[in-house]
Structure formats: C-alpha cells, structure tokens
C-alpha cells in the first residue's frame, strides 16, 4: 500500500500521519477494542501446539487442575464461538489447546 501511495507522489509523512490519526481515533472510540498480545507471547502459533502455547492460550499454569483448564476453555470458547460472531480460527486454536492440556500425562 505504501508503495502505491509513494508512486502517486503522496508524501510519506502525510500517509504516516493519516495512519497514526486513524489509530488514535480507534483507541478513543469506546465501541472499538484495540488490544495488544500479552507480553509473554513471542511469535506465531505453531501448527501442533506445544504445552506452553496451550497454557498461554487458555491462561493456565503448569499446575492447574483439569477442572480449571475446562473452566477456562468454556469461558474462552463462549466468547470466541463462531455462532456468536467469533472466529473459526480462534475457536479451533482454543479447542486444540484444550485437547493438548486435557490429554497430558
């Protein structure tokens, strides 16, 4: 996009200002939630989730019980379920994390 804008001879500072202004508008609008990933999150999600990634997704510790894992799973899935306007991708990751932690030895 920046390449197209620079070819149309828009100053890059103008483009940066518009993007920054739009982002600040989103931050001030109470209906729009702009969040950042947790500080402990590093990188993308690997295809088969590791136990550490599954715990990050479900917000559990290594010592949490199966009941706590299931409680967090149900809470997150209720918020991210595709039937309620959530993402199929996010729901699949939550389900994969639950399977990984439920089947741990």
N, C-alpha and C. Protein backbone atom coordinates (compact mmCIF):
# COMPACT_ATOMS: atom_id res chain seq x y z
N UNK A 1 0.82 -1.18 0.00
CA UNK A 1 0.00 0.00 0.00
C UNK A 1 0.87 1.25 0.00
N UNK A 2 1.93 1.25 0.82
CA UNK A 2 2.81 2.41 0.84
C UNK A 2 3.48 2.61 -0.50
N UNK A 3 3.77 1.51 -1.18
CA UNK A 3 4.40 1.61 -2.50
C UNK A 3 3.46 2.29 -3.49
N UNK A 4 2.20 1.93 -3.45
CA UNK A 4 1.21 2.55 -4.34
C UNK A 4 1.07 4.03 -4.00
N UNK A 5 1.04 4.35 -2.72
CA UNK A 5 0.91 5.74 -2.32
C UNK A 5 2.13 6.55 -2.72
N UNK A 6 3.32 5.95 -2.60
CA UNK A 6 4.52 6.69 -2.97
C UNK A 6 4.60 6.87 -4.47
N UNK A 7 4.06 5.92 -5.25
CA UNK A 7 4.04 6.08 -6.70
C UNK A 7 3.08 7.19 -7.11
N UNK A 8 2.06 7.43 -6.31
CA UNK A 8 1.12 8.51 -6.59
C UNK A 8 1.61 9.84 -6.03
N UNK A 9 2.82 9.86 -5.56
CA UNK A 9 3.52 11.06 -5.09
C UNK A 9 2.88 11.67 -3.84
N UNK A 10 2.33 10.83 -2.96
CA UNK A 10 1.90 11.31 -1.66
C UNK A 10 3.13 11.34 -0.76
N UNK A 11 3.31 12.41 0.00
CA UNK A 11 4.45 12.41 0.93
C UNK A 11 4.25 11.33 2.00
N UNK A 12 5.32 10.63 2.29
CA UNK A 12 5.25 9.54 3.26
C UNK A 12 4.84 10.06 4.64
N UNK A 13 5.24 11.28 4.99
CA UNK A 13 4.86 11.83 6.29
C UNK A 13 3.34 12.04 6.36
N UNK A 14 2.73 12.40 5.24
CA UNK A 14 1.27 12.57 5.22
C UNK A 14 0.57 11.23 5.44
N UNK A 15 1.07 10.20 4.77
CA UNK A 15 0.50 8.86 4.93
C UNK A 15 0.66 8.39 6.37
N UNK A 16 1.85 8.58 6.95
CA UNK A 16 2.09 8.17 8.33
C UNK A 16 1.17 8.93 9.29
N UNK A 17 0.95 10.20 9.02
CA UNK A 17 0.06 10.99 9.87
C UNK A 17 -1.38 10.52 9.81
N UNK A 18 -1.83 10.17 8.62
CA UNK A 18 -3.20 9.67 8.47
C UNK A 18 -3.38 8.35 9.20
N UNK A 19 -2.40 7.44 9.05
CA UNK A 19 -2.47 6.14 9.73
C UNK A 19 -2.45 6.33 11.24
N UNK A 20 -1.56 7.19 11.73
CA UNK A 20 -1.47 7.44 13.18
C UNK A 20 -2.75 8.08 13.70
N UNK A 21 -3.32 9.00 12.93
CA UNK A 21 -4.57 9.64 13.35
C UNK A 21 -5.73 8.67 13.41
N UNK A 22 -5.80 7.78 12.42
CA UNK A 22 -6.87 6.78 12.41
C UNK A 22 -6.72 5.83 13.58
N UNK A 23 -5.48 5.43 13.90
CA UNK A 23 -5.25 4.53 15.02
C UNK A 23 -5.65 5.22 16.33
N UNK A 24 -5.29 6.49 16.48
CA UNK A 24 -5.67 7.19 17.72
C UNK A 24 -7.19 7.36 17.81
N UNK A 25 -7.85 7.52 16.66
CA UNK A 25 -9.31 7.58 16.65
C UNK A 25 -9.91 6.27 17.15
N UNK A 26 -9.35 5.15 16.69
CA UNK A 26 -9.85 3.85 17.14
C UNK A 26 -9.64 3.67 18.63
N UNK A 27 -8.53 4.14 19.14
CA UNK A 27 -8.24 3.99 20.57
C UNK A 27 -9.21 4.80 21.42
N UNK A 28 -9.70 5.93 20.91
CA UNK A 28 -10.59 6.79 21.69
C UNK A 28 -12.05 6.36 21.59
N UNK A 29 -12.40 5.63 20.57
CA UNK A 29 -13.78 5.19 20.38
C UNK A 29 -14.07 4.06 21.36
N UNK A 30 -15.02 4.23 22.28
CA UNK A 30 -15.27 3.20 23.30
C UNK A 30 -15.86 1.91 22.73
N UNK A 31 -16.41 1.96 21.52
CA UNK A 31 -17.01 0.76 20.94
C UNK A 31 -15.96 -0.15 20.31
N UNK A 32 -14.79 0.39 20.01
CA UNK A 32 -13.75 -0.39 19.35
C UNK A 32 -12.70 -0.77 20.38
N UNK A 33 -12.39 -2.03 20.46
CA UNK A 33 -11.38 -2.51 21.41
C UNK A 33 -10.11 -2.82 20.63
N UNK A 34 -9.06 -2.09 20.92
CA UNK A 34 -7.77 -2.34 20.29
C UNK A 34 -6.88 -2.93 21.36
N UNK A 35 -6.49 -4.18 21.19
CA UNK A 35 -5.67 -4.83 22.20
C UNK A 35 -4.34 -5.23 21.60
N UNK A 36 -3.40 -5.46 22.46
CA UNK A 36 -2.11 -5.97 22.03
C UNK A 36 -1.93 -7.35 22.64
N UNK A 37 -1.10 -8.18 22.03
CA UNK A 37 -0.90 -9.52 22.58
C UNK A 37 -0.24 -9.45 23.95
N UNK A 38 -0.41 -10.48 24.77
CA UNK A 38 0.23 -10.47 26.08
C UNK A 38 1.74 -10.37 25.96
N UNK A 39 2.38 -9.84 26.98
CA UNK A 39 3.83 -9.66 26.94
C UNK A 39 4.58 -10.98 26.85
N UNK A 40 4.00 -12.04 27.36
CA UNK A 40 4.71 -13.32 27.35
C UNK A 40 4.59 -14.03 26.00
N UNK A 41 3.81 -13.49 25.08
CA UNK A 41 3.61 -14.12 23.78
C UNK A 41 4.76 -13.75 22.87
N UNK A 42 5.44 -14.75 22.30
CA UNK A 42 6.56 -14.49 21.41
C UNK A 42 6.35 -15.26 20.11
N UNK A 43 6.02 -14.57 19.06
CA UNK A 43 5.91 -15.22 17.77
C UNK A 43 4.52 -15.72 17.47
N UNK A 44 4.44 -16.51 16.42
CA UNK A 44 3.17 -17.05 15.98
C UNK A 44 2.89 -18.39 16.65
N UNK A 45 1.70 -18.90 16.43
CA UNK A 45 1.31 -20.18 16.99
C UNK A 45 1.80 -21.28 16.06
N UNK A 46 2.49 -22.26 16.64
CA UNK A 46 2.98 -23.36 15.82
C UNK A 46 1.83 -24.29 15.48
N UNK A 47 2.01 -25.07 14.44
CA UNK A 47 0.92 -25.93 13.96
C UNK A 47 0.45 -26.93 15.01
N UNK A 48 1.30 -27.86 15.46
CA UNK A 48 0.85 -28.59 16.66
C UNK A 48 1.26 -27.75 17.87
N UNK A 49 0.29 -27.36 18.67
CA UNK A 49 0.58 -26.51 19.83
C UNK A 49 1.49 -27.22 20.82
N UNK A 50 2.43 -26.49 21.35
CA UNK A 50 3.22 -27.02 22.45
C UNK A 50 2.41 -26.84 23.74
N UNK A 51 2.83 -27.50 24.79
CA UNK A 51 2.12 -27.36 26.07
C UNK A 51 2.18 -25.92 26.57
N UNK A 52 3.33 -25.28 26.35
CA UNK A 52 3.48 -23.89 26.79
C UNK A 52 2.50 -22.98 26.05
N UNK A 53 2.40 -23.15 24.73
CA UNK A 53 1.47 -22.34 23.95
C UNK A 53 0.02 -22.63 24.34
N UNK A 54 -0.30 -23.88 24.62
CA UNK A 54 -1.66 -24.23 25.03
C UNK A 54 -1.99 -23.57 26.36
N UNK A 55 -1.03 -23.53 27.28
CA UNK A 55 -1.26 -22.86 28.56
C UNK A 55 -1.44 -21.36 28.38
N UNK A 56 -0.69 -20.76 27.43
CA UNK A 56 -0.85 -19.33 27.16
C UNK A 56 -2.24 -19.04 26.58
N UNK A 57 -2.69 -19.89 25.68
CA UNK A 57 -4.00 -19.69 25.05
C UNK A 57 -5.10 -19.77 26.10
N UNK A 58 -5.04 -20.77 26.97
CA UNK A 58 -6.10 -20.97 27.96
C UNK A 58 -5.85 -20.24 29.27
N UNK A 59 -4.73 -19.51 29.35
CA UNK A 59 -4.40 -18.73 30.54
C UNK A 59 -4.38 -19.60 31.80
N UNK A 60 -3.64 -20.69 31.73
CA UNK A 60 -3.50 -21.58 32.88
C UNK A 60 -2.02 -21.77 33.20
N UNK A 61 -1.76 -22.34 34.35
CA UNK A 61 -0.38 -22.62 34.74
C UNK A 61 -0.09 -24.11 34.57
N UNK A 62 1.16 -24.48 34.80
CA UNK A 62 1.53 -25.89 34.69
C UNK A 62 0.85 -26.72 35.76
N UNK A 63 0.46 -26.10 36.85
CA UNK A 63 -0.07 -26.83 37.99
C UNK A 63 -1.59 -26.74 38.10
N UNK A 64 -2.26 -26.22 37.09
CA UNK A 64 -3.72 -26.11 37.17
C UNK A 64 -4.37 -27.47 36.96
N UNK A 65 -5.51 -27.62 37.59
CA UNK A 65 -6.23 -28.90 37.52
C UNK A 65 -7.01 -29.00 36.21
N UNK A 66 -7.51 -30.20 35.94
CA UNK A 66 -8.33 -30.39 34.74
C UNK A 66 -9.60 -29.55 34.80
N UNK A 67 -10.13 -29.37 36.00
CA UNK A 67 -11.34 -28.55 36.15
C UNK A 67 -11.06 -27.09 35.80
N UNK A 68 -9.90 -26.56 36.20
CA UNK A 68 -9.55 -25.18 35.86
C UNK A 68 -9.32 -25.02 34.36
N UNK A 69 -8.69 -26.02 33.74
CA UNK A 69 -8.46 -25.98 32.30
C UNK A 69 -9.80 -25.97 31.57
N UNK A 70 -10.71 -26.84 31.98
CA UNK A 70 -12.03 -26.91 31.33
C UNK A 70 -12.82 -25.63 31.55
N UNK A 71 -12.73 -25.05 32.74
CA UNK A 71 -13.44 -23.81 33.04
C UNK A 71 -12.94 -22.67 32.14
N UNK A 72 -11.62 -22.54 32.00
CA UNK A 72 -11.07 -21.50 31.14
C UNK A 72 -11.41 -21.76 29.67
N UNK A 73 -11.39 -23.03 29.27
CA UNK A 73 -11.74 -23.40 27.90
C UNK A 73 -13.17 -22.98 27.58
N UNK A 74 -14.09 -23.32 28.45
CA UNK A 74 -15.50 -22.98 28.21
C UNK A 74 -15.74 -21.48 28.20
N UNK A 75 -15.05 -20.78 29.10
CA UNK A 75 -15.19 -19.33 29.16
C UNK A 75 -14.69 -18.67 27.86
N UNK A 76 -13.52 -19.09 27.40
CA UNK A 76 -12.97 -18.52 26.17
C UNK A 76 -13.79 -18.90 24.94
N UNK A 77 -14.22 -20.15 24.89
CA UNK A 77 -14.98 -20.60 23.73
C UNK A 77 -16.34 -19.90 23.65
N UNK A 78 -16.93 -19.60 24.80
CA UNK A 78 -18.21 -18.87 24.80
C UNK A 78 -18.04 -17.48 24.18
N UNK A 79 -16.86 -16.87 24.37
CA UNK A 79 -16.61 -15.54 23.81
C UNK A 79 -16.21 -15.59 22.35
N UNK A 80 -15.52 -16.66 21.93
CA UNK A 80 -14.95 -16.72 20.58
C UNK A 80 -15.67 -17.67 19.65
N UNK A 81 -16.82 -18.19 20.05
CA UNK A 81 -17.51 -19.18 19.22
C UNK A 81 -18.03 -18.54 17.93
N UNK A 82 -17.87 -19.22 16.79
CA UNK A 82 -18.32 -18.65 15.52
C UNK A 82 -19.82 -18.37 15.46
N UNK A 83 -20.63 -19.10 16.18
CA UNK A 83 -22.07 -18.85 16.19
C UNK A 83 -22.43 -17.55 16.89
N UNK A 84 -21.50 -17.03 17.66
CA UNK A 84 -21.73 -15.76 18.36
C UNK A 84 -20.89 -14.63 17.77
N UNK A 85 -20.47 -14.81 16.54
CA UNK A 85 -19.72 -13.76 15.86
C UNK A 85 -18.22 -13.86 16.02
N UNK A 86 -17.74 -14.94 16.59
CA UNK A 86 -16.31 -15.12 16.76
C UNK A 86 -15.66 -15.73 15.53
N UNK A 87 -14.40 -15.99 15.64
CA UNK A 87 -13.61 -16.51 14.52
C UNK A 87 -13.50 -18.03 14.61
N UNK A 88 -13.66 -18.70 13.47
CA UNK A 88 -13.48 -20.15 13.43
C UNK A 88 -12.04 -20.52 13.75
N UNK A 89 -11.10 -19.70 13.29
CA UNK A 89 -9.68 -19.96 13.52
C UNK A 89 -9.36 -19.90 15.01
N UNK A 90 -9.83 -18.86 15.68
CA UNK A 90 -9.57 -18.71 17.12
C UNK A 90 -10.24 -19.84 17.89
N UNK A 91 -11.46 -20.19 17.52
CA UNK A 91 -12.15 -21.29 18.20
C UNK A 91 -11.40 -22.60 18.00
N UNK A 92 -10.83 -22.81 16.83
CA UNK A 92 -10.05 -24.02 16.57
C UNK A 92 -8.79 -24.06 17.42
N UNK A 93 -8.14 -22.92 17.59
CA UNK A 93 -6.93 -22.86 18.43
C UNK A 93 -7.29 -23.13 19.88
N UNK A 94 -8.39 -22.57 20.35
CA UNK A 94 -8.83 -22.81 21.73
C UNK A 94 -9.14 -24.29 21.92
N UNK A 95 -9.81 -24.90 20.96
CA UNK A 95 -10.12 -26.33 21.04
C UNK A 95 -8.86 -27.19 21.02
N UNK A 96 -7.90 -26.82 20.17
CA UNK A 96 -6.65 -27.57 20.11
C UNK A 96 -5.87 -27.45 21.41
N UNK A 97 -5.89 -26.26 22.02
CA UNK A 97 -5.20 -26.07 23.30
C UNK A 97 -5.86 -26.91 24.39
N UNK A 98 -7.18 -26.97 24.38
CA UNK A 98 -7.89 -27.78 25.38
C UNK A 98 -7.56 -29.26 25.21
N UNK A 99 -7.54 -29.74 23.97
CA UNK A 99 -7.19 -31.15 23.72
C UNK A 99 -5.77 -31.45 24.19
N UNK A 100 -4.85 -30.53 23.93
CA UNK A 100 -3.45 -30.74 24.32
C UNK A 100 -3.32 -30.84 25.84
N UNK A 101 -3.98 -29.95 26.56
CA UNK A 101 -3.85 -29.95 28.02
C UNK A 101 -4.70 -31.04 28.67
N UNK A 102 -5.79 -31.42 28.03
CA UNK A 102 -6.63 -32.47 28.59
C UNK A 102 -5.97 -33.83 28.46
N UNK A 103 -5.19 -34.03 27.43
CA UNK A 103 -4.55 -35.32 27.18
C UNK A 103 -3.13 -35.40 27.72
N UNK A 104 -2.76 -34.46 28.58
CA UNK A 104 -1.40 -34.50 29.13
C UNK A 104 -1.26 -35.65 30.12
N UNK A 105 -0.06 -36.12 30.27
CA UNK A 105 0.19 -37.26 31.17
C UNK A 105 0.48 -36.80 32.57
